């Protein structure tokens, strides 16, 4: 998880509105209709904003686009995110991959979901790896399916290699 920020070398609070910055670091970062390549903070709040990477203890994003998130807690609403790694995730929107202890998804589309516990309603996930699932979650490949696909794929690849060795064996 993100390491504590050094408060002596950074401002307590930064508010960005209608600006583009390369990097922003503060105890609290609030962004409205702004963009940043990197955001580092204890608390990050984004509304209609974009960021390449966000490292924060607590993230709140609404109608935003983020490349990657590393946080202890992430609240994401109506946003598009490439990847999220957080202990606690609550999300709506589209996410490429999410990994966490407890993941709650409502009306979300996710490529890969990996968590100890997944809760949700109207969730679509291509791959779901979870210890416990509660709610309406639709997957293409769940944990059991991923294990079976891996075993069958490995067996099939092994058979092809064996047949190839036999067929092209030189005496």
N, C-alpha and C. Protein backbone atom coordinates (compact mmCIF):
# COMPACT_ATOMS: atom_id res chain seq x y z
N UNK A 1 0.83 -1.18 0.00
CA UNK A 1 0.00 0.00 0.00
C UNK A 1 0.88 1.25 0.00
N UNK A 2 0.31 2.39 -0.32
CA UNK A 2 1.10 3.60 -0.40
C UNK A 2 1.77 3.91 0.94
N UNK A 3 2.97 4.42 0.85
CA UNK A 3 3.71 4.78 2.05
C UNK A 3 3.26 6.15 2.52
N UNK A 4 3.38 6.40 3.83
CA UNK A 4 3.00 7.72 4.35
C UNK A 4 3.80 8.82 3.65
N UNK A 5 3.14 9.91 3.43
CA UNK A 5 3.78 11.04 2.76
C UNK A 5 4.51 11.91 3.77
N UNK A 6 5.59 12.51 3.35
CA UNK A 6 6.35 13.40 4.22
C UNK A 6 5.67 14.76 4.25
N UNK A 7 5.06 15.10 5.37
CA UNK A 7 4.29 16.33 5.46
C UNK A 7 5.17 17.58 5.49
N UNK A 8 6.44 17.45 5.86
CA UNK A 8 7.31 18.62 5.95
C UNK A 8 7.67 19.17 4.58
N UNK A 9 7.67 18.30 3.55
CA UNK A 9 8.13 18.75 2.24
C UNK A 9 7.00 19.01 1.24
N UNK A 10 5.76 18.95 1.69
CA UNK A 10 4.67 19.13 0.76
C UNK A 10 3.55 19.95 1.41
N UNK A 11 2.73 20.56 0.58
CA UNK A 11 1.63 21.35 1.14
C UNK A 11 0.57 20.46 1.79
N UNK A 12 -0.19 21.05 2.67
CA UNK A 12 -1.25 20.31 3.35
C UNK A 12 -2.40 20.00 2.39
N UNK A 13 -2.76 20.97 1.55
CA UNK A 13 -3.89 20.79 0.65
C UNK A 13 -3.63 21.51 -0.68
N UNK A 14 -4.02 20.85 -1.77
CA UNK A 14 -3.91 21.45 -3.10
C UNK A 14 -5.25 21.26 -3.79
N UNK A 15 -5.77 22.35 -4.35
CA UNK A 15 -7.02 22.29 -5.12
C UNK A 15 -6.72 22.70 -6.54
N UNK A 16 -7.04 21.82 -7.48
CA UNK A 16 -6.81 22.10 -8.90
C UNK A 16 -8.16 22.21 -9.61
N UNK A 17 -8.32 23.25 -10.40
CA UNK A 17 -9.54 23.42 -11.18
C UNK A 17 -9.16 23.92 -12.57
N UNK A 18 -9.56 23.18 -13.58
CA UNK A 18 -9.35 23.56 -14.98
C UNK A 18 -7.87 23.76 -15.32
N UNK A 19 -7.00 22.87 -14.80
CA UNK A 19 -5.57 22.97 -15.09
C UNK A 19 -5.00 21.60 -15.45
N UNK A 20 -3.86 21.63 -16.13
CA UNK A 20 -3.11 20.42 -16.45
C UNK A 20 -1.75 20.53 -15.77
N UNK A 21 -1.39 19.50 -14.99
CA UNK A 21 -0.10 19.50 -14.30
C UNK A 21 0.59 18.17 -14.54
N UNK A 22 1.89 18.19 -14.38
CA UNK A 22 2.66 16.95 -14.54
C UNK A 22 2.53 16.08 -13.30
N UNK A 23 2.72 16.69 -12.13
CA UNK A 23 2.71 15.93 -10.89
C UNK A 23 2.16 16.80 -9.77
N UNK A 24 1.41 16.19 -8.86
CA UNK A 24 0.91 16.91 -7.70
C UNK A 24 1.04 16.00 -6.48
N UNK A 25 1.52 16.59 -5.39
CA UNK A 25 1.73 15.84 -4.16
C UNK A 25 1.34 16.73 -2.98
N UNK A 26 0.42 16.24 -2.15
CA UNK A 26 -0.02 16.98 -0.96
C UNK A 26 -0.77 16.00 -0.06
N UNK A 27 -1.01 16.43 1.18
CA UNK A 27 -1.79 15.57 2.07
C UNK A 27 -3.19 15.36 1.50
N UNK A 28 -3.79 16.43 0.98
CA UNK A 28 -5.10 16.34 0.35
C UNK A 28 -5.02 16.98 -1.03
N UNK A 29 -5.45 16.25 -2.05
CA UNK A 29 -5.48 16.77 -3.42
C UNK A 29 -6.92 16.71 -3.90
N UNK A 30 -7.44 17.87 -4.33
CA UNK A 30 -8.79 17.94 -4.90
C UNK A 30 -8.64 18.40 -6.34
N UNK A 31 -9.20 17.63 -7.26
CA UNK A 31 -9.10 17.96 -8.68
C UNK A 31 -10.51 18.08 -9.27
N UNK A 32 -10.74 19.15 -10.01
CA UNK A 32 -12.01 19.33 -10.71
C UNK A 32 -11.70 19.76 -12.14
N UNK A 33 -12.14 18.98 -13.09
CA UNK A 33 -11.89 19.23 -14.50
C UNK A 33 -10.42 19.56 -14.75
N UNK A 34 -9.56 18.69 -14.22
CA UNK A 34 -8.12 18.88 -14.34
C UNK A 34 -7.46 17.56 -14.72
N UNK A 35 -6.18 17.64 -15.07
CA UNK A 35 -5.45 16.41 -15.38
C UNK A 35 -4.06 16.48 -14.76
N UNK A 36 -3.56 15.28 -14.41
CA UNK A 36 -2.22 15.18 -13.83
C UNK A 36 -1.64 13.84 -14.24
N UNK A 37 -0.33 13.82 -14.50
CA UNK A 37 0.32 12.55 -14.80
C UNK A 37 0.38 11.69 -13.56
N UNK A 38 0.79 12.27 -12.43
CA UNK A 38 0.85 11.51 -11.18
C UNK A 38 0.25 12.33 -10.04
N UNK A 39 -0.43 11.62 -9.15
CA UNK A 39 -1.01 12.22 -7.96
C UNK A 39 -0.56 11.38 -6.77
N UNK A 40 0.04 12.02 -5.76
CA UNK A 40 0.46 11.34 -4.54
C UNK A 40 -0.13 12.10 -3.36
N UNK A 41 -0.93 11.41 -2.54
CA UNK A 41 -1.54 12.09 -1.41
C UNK A 41 -2.12 11.10 -0.41
N UNK A 42 -2.45 11.62 0.76
CA UNK A 42 -3.20 10.82 1.73
C UNK A 42 -4.64 10.69 1.25
N UNK A 43 -5.22 11.80 0.83
CA UNK A 43 -6.59 11.83 0.35
C UNK A 43 -6.63 12.50 -1.02
N UNK A 44 -7.16 11.79 -2.01
CA UNK A 44 -7.30 12.35 -3.35
C UNK A 44 -8.78 12.34 -3.73
N UNK A 45 -9.26 13.48 -4.18
CA UNK A 45 -10.65 13.61 -4.63
C UNK A 45 -10.62 14.12 -6.07
N UNK A 46 -11.23 13.36 -6.97
CA UNK A 46 -11.23 13.72 -8.39
C UNK A 46 -12.67 13.79 -8.90
N UNK A 47 -12.98 14.88 -9.60
CA UNK A 47 -14.28 15.02 -10.23
C UNK A 47 -14.06 15.48 -11.66
N UNK A 48 -14.55 14.73 -12.61
CA UNK A 48 -14.40 15.01 -14.03
C UNK A 48 -12.94 15.36 -14.34
N UNK A 49 -12.04 14.48 -13.95
CA UNK A 49 -10.61 14.72 -14.11
C UNK A 49 -9.92 13.47 -14.65
N UNK A 50 -8.66 13.63 -15.03
CA UNK A 50 -7.87 12.50 -15.52
C UNK A 50 -6.53 12.46 -14.79
N UNK A 51 -6.01 11.23 -14.64
CA UNK A 51 -4.70 11.06 -14.03
C UNK A 51 -4.08 9.79 -14.57
N UNK A 52 -2.77 9.83 -14.76
CA UNK A 52 -2.06 8.64 -15.21
C UNK A 52 -1.93 7.63 -14.09
N UNK A 53 -1.45 8.08 -12.92
CA UNK A 53 -1.27 7.21 -11.76
C UNK A 53 -1.65 7.96 -10.50
N UNK A 54 -2.43 7.31 -9.64
CA UNK A 54 -2.81 7.90 -8.36
C UNK A 54 -2.36 6.96 -7.25
N UNK A 55 -1.54 7.50 -6.34
CA UNK A 55 -1.13 6.78 -5.13
C UNK A 55 -1.67 7.57 -3.96
N UNK A 56 -2.60 6.95 -3.23
CA UNK A 56 -3.24 7.64 -2.13
C UNK A 56 -3.71 6.64 -1.08
N UNK A 57 -3.84 7.11 0.14
CA UNK A 57 -4.46 6.24 1.15
C UNK A 57 -5.94 6.10 0.83
N UNK A 58 -6.59 7.22 0.53
CA UNK A 58 -8.03 7.22 0.23
C UNK A 58 -8.26 7.97 -1.07
N UNK A 59 -8.94 7.32 -2.00
CA UNK A 59 -9.26 7.94 -3.29
C UNK A 59 -10.77 7.98 -3.46
N UNK A 60 -11.24 9.12 -3.93
CA UNK A 60 -12.63 9.28 -4.32
C UNK A 60 -12.62 9.87 -5.73
N UNK A 61 -13.16 9.12 -6.69
CA UNK A 61 -13.17 9.59 -8.08
C UNK A 61 -14.58 9.50 -8.65
N UNK A 62 -15.03 10.59 -9.25
CA UNK A 62 -16.35 10.62 -9.88
C UNK A 62 -16.20 11.13 -11.31
N UNK A 63 -16.78 10.39 -12.24
CA UNK A 63 -16.76 10.74 -13.67
C UNK A 63 -15.35 11.12 -14.12
N UNK A 64 -14.38 10.27 -13.78
CA UNK A 64 -12.98 10.54 -14.08
C UNK A 64 -12.35 9.38 -14.84
N UNK A 65 -11.17 9.62 -15.40
CA UNK A 65 -10.40 8.58 -16.08
C UNK A 65 -9.04 8.49 -15.41
N UNK A 66 -8.65 7.26 -15.02
CA UNK A 66 -7.39 7.06 -14.31
C UNK A 66 -6.69 5.84 -14.89
N UNK A 67 -5.41 5.97 -15.15
CA UNK A 67 -4.64 4.84 -15.68
C UNK A 67 -4.45 3.77 -14.63
N UNK A 68 -3.95 4.13 -13.45
CA UNK A 68 -3.71 3.16 -12.39
C UNK A 68 -3.92 3.78 -11.02
N UNK A 69 -4.38 2.93 -10.09
CA UNK A 69 -4.65 3.38 -8.73
C UNK A 69 -3.99 2.41 -7.76
N UNK A 70 -3.28 2.97 -6.78
CA UNK A 70 -2.74 2.19 -5.67
C UNK A 70 -3.19 2.92 -4.41
N UNK A 71 -4.07 2.25 -3.62
CA UNK A 71 -4.65 2.92 -2.46
C UNK A 71 -5.02 1.91 -1.38
N UNK A 72 -5.31 2.42 -0.20
CA UNK A 72 -5.88 1.57 0.84
C UNK A 72 -7.38 1.46 0.64
N UNK A 73 -8.01 2.56 0.26
CA UNK A 73 -9.45 2.60 0.04
C UNK A 73 -9.72 3.41 -1.23
N UNK A 74 -10.55 2.86 -2.12
CA UNK A 74 -10.87 3.54 -3.38
C UNK A 74 -12.38 3.53 -3.60
N UNK A 75 -12.95 4.72 -3.75
CA UNK A 75 -14.36 4.91 -4.08
C UNK A 75 -14.40 5.46 -5.50
N UNK A 76 -14.91 4.68 -6.44
CA UNK A 76 -14.88 5.07 -7.84
C UNK A 76 -16.31 5.02 -8.38
N UNK A 77 -16.79 6.15 -8.92
CA UNK A 77 -18.16 6.23 -9.41
C UNK A 77 -18.18 6.74 -10.84
N UNK A 78 -18.85 6.04 -11.71
CA UNK A 78 -19.05 6.45 -13.10
C UNK A 78 -17.73 6.87 -13.75
N UNK A 79 -16.72 6.04 -13.56
CA UNK A 79 -15.39 6.37 -14.05
C UNK A 79 -14.80 5.22 -14.85
N UNK A 80 -13.72 5.51 -15.55
CA UNK A 80 -12.98 4.50 -16.31
C UNK A 80 -11.58 4.43 -15.72
N UNK A 81 -11.18 3.22 -15.31
CA UNK A 81 -9.89 3.03 -14.65
C UNK A 81 -9.19 1.83 -15.27
N UNK A 82 -7.90 1.98 -15.56
CA UNK A 82 -7.13 0.89 -16.12
C UNK A 82 -6.91 -0.23 -15.13
N UNK A 83 -6.43 0.11 -13.93
CA UNK A 83 -6.19 -0.90 -12.91
C UNK A 83 -6.27 -0.31 -11.52
N UNK A 84 -6.79 -1.11 -10.58
CA UNK A 84 -6.93 -0.67 -9.20
C UNK A 84 -6.34 -1.75 -8.29
N UNK A 85 -5.47 -1.32 -7.38
CA UNK A 85 -4.99 -2.20 -6.32
C UNK A 85 -5.23 -1.48 -5.00
N UNK A 86 -6.18 -2.03 -4.23
CA UNK A 86 -6.54 -1.41 -2.95
C UNK A 86 -7.12 -2.48 -2.03
N UNK A 87 -7.00 -2.25 -0.74
CA UNK A 87 -7.58 -3.19 0.22
C UNK A 87 -9.10 -3.18 0.13
N UNK A 88 -9.69 -2.00 0.05
CA UNK A 88 -11.14 -1.85 -0.01
C UNK A 88 -11.49 -1.05 -1.27
N UNK A 89 -12.30 -1.65 -2.14
CA UNK A 89 -12.69 -0.99 -3.39
C UNK A 89 -14.21 -0.98 -3.49
N UNK A 90 -14.77 0.20 -3.76
CA UNK A 90 -16.18 0.35 -4.10
C UNK A 90 -16.21 1.04 -5.45
N UNK A 91 -16.80 0.39 -6.45
CA UNK A 91 -16.68 0.96 -7.79
C UNK A 91 -17.93 0.79 -8.64
N UNK A 92 -18.15 1.78 -9.50
CA UNK A 92 -19.10 1.77 -10.60
C UNK A 92 -18.34 2.24 -11.82
N UNK A 93 -18.66 1.70 -12.97
CA UNK A 93 -17.99 2.14 -14.18
C UNK A 93 -17.25 1.01 -14.84
N UNK A 94 -16.19 1.33 -15.57
CA UNK A 94 -15.40 0.35 -16.30
C UNK A 94 -13.99 0.30 -15.74
N UNK A 95 -13.54 -0.92 -15.42
CA UNK A 95 -12.21 -1.10 -14.83
C UNK A 95 -11.53 -2.25 -15.56
N UNK A 96 -10.29 -2.02 -15.98
CA UNK A 96 -9.53 -3.07 -16.65
C UNK A 96 -9.24 -4.23 -15.72
N UNK A 97 -8.67 -3.95 -14.55
CA UNK A 97 -8.37 -4.99 -13.56
C UNK A 97 -8.48 -4.39 -12.17
N UNK A 98 -9.00 -5.19 -11.24
CA UNK A 98 -9.11 -4.74 -9.86
C UNK A 98 -8.64 -5.87 -8.95
N UNK A 99 -7.82 -5.51 -7.97
CA UNK A 99 -7.33 -6.47 -6.99
C UNK A 99 -7.46 -5.86 -5.61
N UNK A 100 -8.00 -6.64 -4.67
CA UNK A 100 -8.16 -6.12 -3.32
C UNK A 100 -8.64 -7.17 -2.35
N UNK A 101 -8.74 -6.77 -1.11
CA UNK A 101 -9.26 -7.66 -0.07
C UNK A 101 -10.78 -7.78 -0.24
N UNK A 102 -11.46 -6.64 -0.18
CA UNK A 102 -12.92 -6.61 -0.34
C UNK A 102 -13.25 -5.67 -1.48
N UNK A 103 -13.92 -6.20 -2.49
CA UNK A 103 -14.28 -5.42 -3.68
C UNK A 103 -15.79 -5.41 -3.80
N UNK A 104 -16.38 -4.21 -3.83
CA UNK A 104 -17.81 -4.05 -4.02
C UNK A 104 -18.03 -3.34 -5.34
N UNK A 105 -18.75 -3.98 -6.24
CA UNK A 105 -18.98 -3.43 -7.57
C UNK A 105 -20.48 -3.31 -7.82
N UNK A 106 -20.93 -2.17 -8.29
CA UNK A 106 -22.33 -1.95 -8.64
C UNK A 106 -22.40 -1.44 -10.07
N UNK A 107 -23.08 -2.15 -10.92
CA UNK A 107 -23.20 -1.71 -12.30
C UNK A 107 -21.86 -1.49 -12.96
N UNK A 108 -20.94 -2.43 -12.76
CA UNK A 108 -19.57 -2.25 -13.25
C UNK A 108 -19.23 -3.30 -14.30
N UNK A 109 -18.32 -2.92 -15.18
CA UNK A 109 -17.74 -3.84 -16.16
C UNK A 109 -16.25 -3.92 -15.86
N UNK A 110 -15.78 -5.14 -15.61
CA UNK A 110 -14.40 -5.34 -15.18
C UNK A 110 -13.78 -6.44 -16.02
N UNK A 111 -12.54 -6.24 -16.44
CA UNK A 111 -11.83 -7.27 -17.18
C UNK A 111 -11.43 -8.41 -16.26
N UNK A 112 -10.64 -8.12 -15.24
CA UNK A 112 -10.17 -9.12 -14.29
C UNK A 112 -10.45 -8.63 -12.88
N UNK A 113 -11.10 -9.47 -12.09
CA UNK A 113 -11.37 -9.16 -10.69
C UNK A 113 -10.71 -10.22 -9.83
N UNK A 114 -9.85 -9.80 -8.90
CA UNK A 114 -9.20 -10.73 -7.97
C UNK A 114 -9.33 -10.17 -6.57
N UNK A 115 -10.01 -10.92 -5.69
CA UNK A 115 -10.23 -10.43 -4.34
C UNK A 115 -10.57 -11.59 -3.41
N UNK A 116 -10.40 -11.36 -2.13
CA UNK A 116 -10.84 -12.34 -1.15
C UNK A 116 -12.36 -12.39 -1.12
N UNK A 117 -12.99 -11.22 -1.22
CA UNK A 117 -14.44 -11.14 -1.17
C UNK A 117 -14.93 -10.15 -2.22
N UNK A 118 -15.90 -10.58 -3.02
CA UNK A 118 -16.50 -9.72 -4.05
C UNK A 118 -17.99 -9.62 -3.76
N UNK A 119 -18.47 -8.38 -3.70
CA UNK A 119 -19.90 -8.12 -3.53
C UNK A 119 -20.35 -7.28 -4.71
N UNK A 120 -21.59 -7.48 -5.12
CA UNK A 120 -22.00 -6.62 -6.21
C UNK A 120 -23.39 -6.87 -6.72
N UNK A 121 -23.77 -5.99 -7.61
CA UNK A 121 -25.04 -6.06 -8.29
C UNK A 121 -24.84 -5.63 -9.72
N UNK A 122 -25.33 -6.43 -10.64
CA UNK A 122 -25.20 -6.15 -12.08
C UNK A 122 -23.74 -5.92 -12.47
N UNK A 123 -22.91 -6.87 -12.12
CA UNK A 123 -21.49 -6.80 -12.41
C UNK A 123 -21.15 -7.76 -13.53
N UNK A 124 -20.37 -7.30 -14.49
CA UNK A 124 -19.87 -8.15 -15.56
C UNK A 124 -18.35 -8.17 -15.46
N UNK A 125 -17.79 -9.39 -15.30
CA UNK A 125 -16.36 -9.54 -15.20
C UNK A 125 -15.93 -10.67 -16.12
N UNK A 126 -14.92 -10.42 -16.94
CA UNK A 126 -14.44 -11.47 -17.84
C UNK A 126 -13.83 -12.60 -17.03
N UNK A 127 -12.93 -12.26 -16.11
CA UNK A 127 -12.29 -13.26 -15.25
C UNK A 127 -12.52 -12.85 -13.81
N UNK A 128 -13.00 -13.80 -13.00
CA UNK A 128 -13.26 -13.54 -11.59
C UNK A 128 -12.52 -14.57 -10.75
N UNK A 129 -11.61 -14.09 -9.90
CA UNK A 129 -10.89 -14.93 -8.97
C UNK A 129 -11.21 -14.41 -7.57
N UNK A 130 -12.04 -15.16 -6.84
CA UNK A 130 -12.48 -14.68 -5.54
C UNK A 130 -12.71 -15.84 -4.59
N UNK A 131 -12.46 -15.58 -3.31
CA UNK A 131 -12.74 -16.58 -2.29
C UNK A 131 -14.22 -16.67 -1.98
N UNK A 132 -14.89 -15.53 -2.01
CA UNK A 132 -16.32 -15.48 -1.68
C UNK A 132 -16.99 -14.44 -2.58
N UNK A 133 -18.16 -14.79 -3.11
CA UNK A 133 -18.89 -13.88 -4.00
C UNK A 133 -20.32 -13.74 -3.49
N UNK A 134 -20.78 -12.48 -3.36
CA UNK A 134 -22.16 -12.19 -2.97
C UNK A 134 -22.76 -11.26 -4.02
N UNK A 135 -23.97 -11.57 -4.47
CA UNK A 135 -24.66 -10.68 -5.38
C UNK A 135 -24.69 -11.19 -6.80
N UNK A 136 -25.19 -10.33 -7.68
CA UNK A 136 -25.38 -10.66 -9.08
C UNK A 136 -24.11 -10.31 -9.87
N UNK A 137 -23.27 -11.34 -10.05
CA UNK A 137 -22.01 -11.16 -10.76
C UNK A 137 -21.98 -12.14 -11.92
N UNK A 138 -21.83 -11.63 -13.14
CA UNK A 138 -21.77 -12.47 -14.34
C UNK A 138 -20.33 -12.52 -14.82
N UNK A 139 -19.83 -13.74 -15.02
CA UNK A 139 -18.44 -13.89 -15.45
C UNK A 139 -18.35 -14.78 -16.67
N UNK A 140 -17.30 -14.58 -17.45
CA UNK A 140 -16.98 -15.48 -18.54
C UNK A 140 -16.16 -16.63 -17.96
N UNK A 141 -15.18 -16.30 -17.12
CA UNK A 141 -14.34 -17.30 -16.48
C UNK A 141 -14.28 -17.01 -14.99
N UNK A 142 -14.79 -17.96 -14.16
CA UNK A 142 -14.69 -17.79 -12.71
C UNK A 142 -13.47 -18.56 -12.20
N UNK A 143 -13.29 -18.61 -10.89
CA UNK A 143 -12.11 -19.26 -10.31
C UNK A 143 -12.02 -20.71 -10.74
N UNK A 144 -13.10 -21.46 -10.62
CA UNK A 144 -13.11 -22.87 -11.01
C UNK A 144 -12.84 -23.02 -12.50
N UNK A 145 -13.46 -22.17 -13.30
CA UNK A 145 -13.26 -22.21 -14.75
C UNK A 145 -11.82 -21.91 -15.14
N UNK A 146 -11.18 -20.97 -14.43
CA UNK A 146 -9.79 -20.63 -14.72
C UNK A 146 -8.88 -21.82 -14.41
N UNK A 147 -9.12 -22.51 -13.30
CA UNK A 147 -8.31 -23.68 -12.94
C UNK A 147 -8.50 -24.79 -13.97
N UNK A 148 -9.74 -25.05 -14.34
CA UNK A 148 -10.02 -26.10 -15.33
C UNK A 148 -9.40 -25.75 -16.68
N UNK A 149 -9.54 -24.49 -17.11
CA UNK A 149 -8.96 -24.06 -18.39
C UNK A 149 -7.45 -24.21 -18.37
N UNK A 150 -6.81 -23.88 -17.25
CA UNK A 150 -5.36 -24.03 -17.13
C UNK A 150 -4.93 -25.48 -17.20
N UNK A 151 -5.66 -26.35 -16.51
CA UNK A 151 -5.34 -27.78 -16.53
C UNK A 151 -5.53 -28.38 -17.93
N UNK A 152 -6.66 -28.07 -18.56
CA UNK A 152 -6.94 -28.60 -19.89
C UNK A 152 -5.94 -28.04 -20.90
N UNK A 153 -5.64 -26.75 -20.82
CA UNK A 153 -4.66 -26.14 -21.73
C UNK A 153 -3.28 -26.75 -21.57
N UNK A 154 -2.87 -26.96 -20.33
CA UNK A 154 -1.57 -27.59 -20.07
C UNK A 154 -1.52 -29.03 -20.58
N UNK A 155 -2.59 -29.77 -20.35
CA UNK A 155 -2.67 -31.15 -20.84
C UNK A 155 -2.62 -31.19 -22.36
N UNK A 156 -3.37 -30.31 -23.01
CA UNK A 156 -3.41 -30.25 -24.46
C UNK A 156 -2.04 -29.87 -25.03
N UNK A 157 -1.39 -28.87 -24.44
CA UNK A 157 -0.05 -28.46 -24.90
C UNK A 157 0.96 -29.59 -24.71
N UNK A 158 0.87 -30.29 -23.59
CA UNK A 158 1.76 -31.43 -23.34
C UNK A 158 1.57 -32.53 -24.36
N UNK A 159 0.32 -32.83 -24.71
CA UNK A 159 0.03 -33.87 -25.71
C UNK A 159 0.57 -33.48 -27.08
N UNK A 160 0.42 -32.22 -27.46
CA UNK A 160 0.93 -31.76 -28.76
C UNK A 160 2.45 -31.87 -28.80
N UNK A 161 3.13 -31.47 -27.73
CA UNK A 161 4.59 -31.61 -27.68
C UNK A 161 5.02 -33.07 -27.75
N UNK A 162 4.30 -33.95 -27.07
CA UNK A 162 4.62 -35.38 -27.09
C UNK A 162 4.44 -35.96 -28.49
N UNK A 163 3.33 -35.64 -29.13
CA UNK A 163 3.09 -36.13 -30.49
C UNK A 163 4.13 -35.56 -31.45
N UNK A 164 4.49 -34.31 -31.29
CA UNK A 164 5.53 -33.69 -32.13
C UNK A 164 6.87 -34.38 -31.97
N UNK A 165 7.23 -34.73 -30.76
CA UNK A 165 8.51 -35.43 -30.53
C UNK A 165 8.50 -36.81 -31.17
N UNK A 166 7.37 -37.49 -31.03
CA UNK A 166 7.27 -38.83 -31.61
C UNK A 166 7.30 -38.75 -33.14
N UNK A 167 6.57 -37.80 -33.71
CA UNK A 167 6.46 -37.69 -35.17
C UNK A 167 7.76 -37.23 -35.81
N UNK A 168 8.51 -36.39 -35.14
CA UNK A 168 9.73 -35.83 -35.75
C UNK A 168 11.00 -36.34 -35.10
N UNK A 169 10.90 -37.49 -34.47
CA UNK A 169 12.06 -38.08 -33.80
C UNK A 169 13.07 -38.55 -34.83
N UNK A 170 14.32 -38.27 -34.56
CA UNK A 170 15.38 -38.70 -35.45
C UNK A 170 16.07 -39.92 -34.85
N UNK A 171 16.29 -40.90 -35.64
CA UNK A 171 16.93 -42.11 -35.16
C UNK A 171 18.42 -42.07 -35.34
